[in-house]
C-alpha atoms as a PDB file:
ATOM      1  CA  UNK A   1     -44.644  47.175 -21.199  1.00  0.00           C
ATOM      2  CA  UNK A   2     -42.177  49.335 -22.584  1.00  0.00           C
ATOM      3  CA  UNK A   3     -41.256  50.805 -26.263  1.00  0.00           C
ATOM      4  CA  UNK A   4     -38.400  52.395 -25.101  1.00  0.00           C
ATOM      5  CA  UNK A   5     -35.436  49.684 -24.673  1.00  0.00           C
ATOM      6  CA  UNK A   6     -34.960  46.625 -26.981  1.00  0.00           C
ATOM      7  CA  UNK A   7     -35.214  43.045 -25.437  1.00  0.00           C
ATOM      8  CA  UNK A   8     -31.567  42.654 -24.930  1.00  0.00           C
ATOM      9  CA  UNK A   9     -31.345  45.962 -22.894  1.00  0.00           C
ATOM     10  CA  UNK A  10     -34.491  45.328 -21.040  1.00  0.00           C
ATOM     11  CA  UNK A  11     -33.150  41.651 -19.938  1.00  0.00           C
ATOM     12  CA  UNK A  12     -29.598  43.138 -19.377  1.00  0.00           C
ATOM     13  CA  UNK A  13     -31.256  45.574 -16.863  1.00  0.00           C
ATOM     14  CA  UNK A  14     -33.381  43.191 -14.996  1.00  0.00           C
ATOM     15  CA  UNK A  15     -31.550  39.975 -14.754  1.00  0.00           C
ATOM     16  CA  UNK A  16     -29.056  41.348 -12.216  1.00  0.00           C
ATOM     17  CA  UNK A  17     -31.768  42.102 -10.234  1.00  0.00           C
ATOM     18  CA  UNK A  18     -33.466  38.675  -9.855  1.00  0.00           C
ATOM     19  CA  UNK A  19     -30.867  36.843  -7.696  1.00  0.00           C
ATOM     20  CA  UNK A  20     -30.568  39.599  -5.010  1.00  0.00           C
ATOM     21  CA  UNK A  21     -34.313  39.696  -4.725  1.00  0.00           C
ATOM     22  CA  UNK A  22     -34.380  35.556  -4.320  1.00  0.00           C
ATOM     23  CA  UNK A  23     -31.574  35.878  -2.051  1.00  0.00           C
ATOM     24  CA  UNK A  24     -33.303  38.450   0.153  1.00  0.00           C
ATOM     25  CA  UNK A  25     -36.841  36.746  -0.195  1.00  0.00           C
ATOM     26  CA  UNK A  26     -34.920  33.493   0.864  1.00  0.00           C
ATOM     27  CA  UNK A  27     -33.059  34.942   3.901  1.00  0.00           C
ATOM     28  CA  UNK A  28     -36.635  36.639   5.296  1.00  0.00           C
ATOM     29  CA  UNK A  29     -38.455  33.108   5.187  1.00  0.00           C
ATOM     30  CA  UNK A  30     -35.069  31.707   6.840  1.00  0.00           C
ATOM     31  CA  UNK A  31     -35.382  34.263   9.500  1.00  0.00           C
ATOM     32  CA  UNK A  32     -39.178  33.661  10.025  1.00  0.00           C
ATOM     33  CA  UNK A  33     -38.658  29.982  10.304  1.00  0.00           C
ATOM     34  CA  UNK A  34     -35.725  30.521  12.871  1.00  0.00           C
ATOM     35  CA  UNK A  35     -37.972  33.020  15.065  1.00  0.00           C
ATOM     36  CA  UNK A  36     -40.933  30.527  14.566  1.00  0.00           C
ATOM     37  CA  UNK A  37     -43.387  33.362  13.206  1.00  0.00           C
ATOM     38  CA  UNK A  38     -45.730  30.979  11.612  1.00  0.00           C
ATOM     39  CA  UNK A  39     -47.828  33.379   9.680  1.00  0.00           C
ATOM     40  CA  UNK A  40     -44.576  34.760   8.183  1.00  0.00           C
ATOM     41  CA  UNK A  41     -43.544  31.304   7.074  1.00  0.00           C
ATOM     42  CA  UNK A  42     -47.198  30.674   5.756  1.00  0.00           C
ATOM     43  CA  UNK A  43     -47.095  33.795   3.571  1.00  0.00           C
ATOM     44  CA  UNK A  44     -43.425  33.432   2.347  1.00  0.00           C
ATOM     45  CA  UNK A  45     -42.943  29.782   1.984  1.00  0.00           C
ATOM     46  CA  UNK A  46     -45.286  29.444  -1.505  1.00  0.00           C
ATOM     47  CA  UNK A  47     -43.092  32.448  -2.878  1.00  0.00           C
ATOM     48  CA  UNK A  48     -39.935  30.841  -1.863  1.00  0.00           C
ATOM     49  CA  UNK A  49     -40.821  27.695  -3.715  1.00  0.00           C
ATOM     50  CA  UNK A  50     -41.934  29.571  -6.605  1.00  0.00           C
ATOM     51  CA  UNK A  51     -38.829  31.303  -7.148  1.00  0.00           C
ATOM     52  CA  UNK A  52     -37.026  28.178  -6.679  1.00  0.00           C
ATOM     53  CA  UNK A  53     -39.372  26.490  -9.244  1.00  0.00           C
ATOM     54  CA  UNK A  54     -38.692  29.279 -11.581  1.00  0.00           C
ATOM     55  CA  UNK A  55     -35.054  29.521 -11.207  1.00  0.00           C
ATOM     56  CA  UNK A  56     -34.617  25.977 -11.887  1.00  0.00           C
ATOM     57  CA  UNK A  57     -36.735  25.957 -15.071  1.00  0.00           C
ATOM     58  CA  UNK A  58     -35.345  29.428 -16.302  1.00  0.00           C
ATOM     59  CA  UNK A  59     -34.155  29.395 -19.994  1.00  0.00           C
ATOM     60  CA  UNK A  60     -30.554  28.461 -20.361  1.00  0.00           C
ATOM     61  CA  UNK A  61     -28.569  31.442 -21.033  1.00  0.00           C
ATOM     62  CA  UNK A  62     -24.941  32.886 -20.632  1.00  0.00           C
ATOM     63  CA  UNK A  63     -25.824  35.298 -17.772  1.00  0.00           C
ATOM     64  CA  UNK A  64     -27.766  34.524 -14.512  1.00  0.00           C
ATOM     65  CA  UNK A  65     -31.346  35.521 -14.237  1.00  0.00           C
ATOM     66  CA  UNK A  66     -34.729  34.320 -15.474  1.00  0.00           C
ATOM     67  CA  UNK A  67     -35.836  36.829 -18.476  1.00  0.00           C
ATOM     68  CA  UNK A  68     -34.939  35.686 -21.863  1.00  0.00           C
ATOM     69  CA  UNK A  69     -34.399  38.062 -24.536  1.00  0.00           C
ATOM     70  CA  UNK A  70     -36.132  36.004 -27.074  1.00  0.00           C
ATOM     71  CA  UNK A  71     -39.214  35.592 -25.147  1.00  0.00           C
ATOM     72  CA  UNK A  72     -39.834  38.650 -23.102  1.00  0.00           C
ATOM     73  CA  UNK A  73     -41.304  40.825 -25.573  1.00  0.00           C
ATOM     74  CA  UNK A  74     -44.144  38.115 -26.083  1.00  0.00           C
ATOM     75  CA  UNK A  75     -47.631  39.429 -25.109  1.00  0.00           C
ATOM     76  CA  UNK A  76     -48.282  36.302 -23.199  1.00  0.00           C
ATOM     77  CA  UNK A  77     -45.198  36.387 -21.460  1.00  0.00           C
ATOM     78  CA  UNK A  78     -45.263  40.216 -20.568  1.00  0.00           C
ATOM     79  CA  UNK A  79     -48.734  39.620 -19.226  1.00  0.00           C
ATOM     80  CA  UNK A  80     -47.257  36.868 -17.161  1.00  0.00           C
ATOM     81  CA  UNK A  81     -44.409  38.487 -15.737  1.00  0.00           C
ATOM     82  CA  UNK A  82     -46.961  41.731 -14.899  1.00  0.00           C
ATOM     83  CA  UNK A  83     -49.161  39.377 -12.999  1.00  0.00           C
ATOM     84  CA  UNK A  84     -46.387  37.891 -11.450  1.00  0.00           C
ATOM     85  CA  UNK A  85     -45.129  41.289 -10.296  1.00  0.00           C
ATOM     86  CA  UNK A  86     -48.392  42.458  -8.917  1.00  0.00           C
ATOM     87  CA  UNK A  87     -48.894  39.182  -7.172  1.00  0.00           C
ATOM     88  CA  UNK A  88     -44.983  39.549  -5.175  1.00  0.00           C
ATOM     89  CA  UNK A  89     -46.009  43.160  -4.412  1.00  0.00           C
ATOM     90  CA  UNK A  90     -48.923  42.215  -2.858  1.00  0.00           C
ATOM     91  CA  UNK A  91     -47.244  39.339  -0.771  1.00  0.00           C
ATOM     92  CA  UNK A  92     -44.488  41.874  -0.113  1.00  0.00           C
ATOM     93  CA  UNK A  93     -47.064  44.393   1.205  1.00  0.00           C
ATOM     94  CA  UNK A  94     -48.728  41.767   3.402  1.00  0.00           C
ATOM     95  CA  UNK A  95     -45.106  40.599   4.730  1.00  0.00           C
ATOM     96  CA  UNK A  96     -44.347  44.372   5.845  1.00  0.00           C
ATOM     97  CA  UNK A  97     -47.393  45.066   7.467  1.00  0.00           C
ATOM     98  CA  UNK A  98     -47.505  41.789   9.325  1.00  0.00           C
ATOM     99  CA  UNK A  99     -44.129  42.652  10.414  1.00  0.00           C
ATOM    100  CA  UNK A 100     -45.087  46.184  11.456  1.00  0.00           C
ATOM    101  CA  UNK A 101     -47.686  44.729  13.381  1.00  0.00           C
ATOM    102  CA  UNK A 102     -45.190  42.028  14.992  1.00  0.00           C
ATOM    103  CA  UNK A 103     -42.862  44.650  15.690  1.00  0.00           C
ATOM    104  CA  UNK A 104     -45.593  47.284  17.557  1.00  0.00           C
ATOM    105  CA  UNK A 105     -46.731  44.069  19.694  1.00  0.00           C
ATOM    106  CA  UNK A 106     -43.408  43.278  20.981  1.00  0.00           C
ATOM    107  CA  UNK A 107     -42.744  47.048  21.828  1.00  0.00           C
ATOM    108  CA  UNK A 108     -46.084  47.063  23.272  1.00  0.00           C
ATOM    109  CA  UNK A 109     -45.767  44.308  25.605  1.00  0.00           C
END
């Protein structure tokens, strides 16, 4: 929740970050698929599907992104975005530590 930016400035700063996040996450999911890391695929596939669903169901705007200035300051929308952010953070942390574990196991064997 922010009181410092108006909704248009907030969306203008968040929307350019959406496509690089989706592209990077899709690349990681495809690399897991290529290297047959089944745990990584299980972790990242639901998030990849959710990103595709969210992007296809985004509001129609003149700029690319998923955040709409008319709805971003709605209380329910802010709570949903906050919950989504924490779930993504948890999945990315699990992914990071699983990758770290796989790297250690590969080096030690």
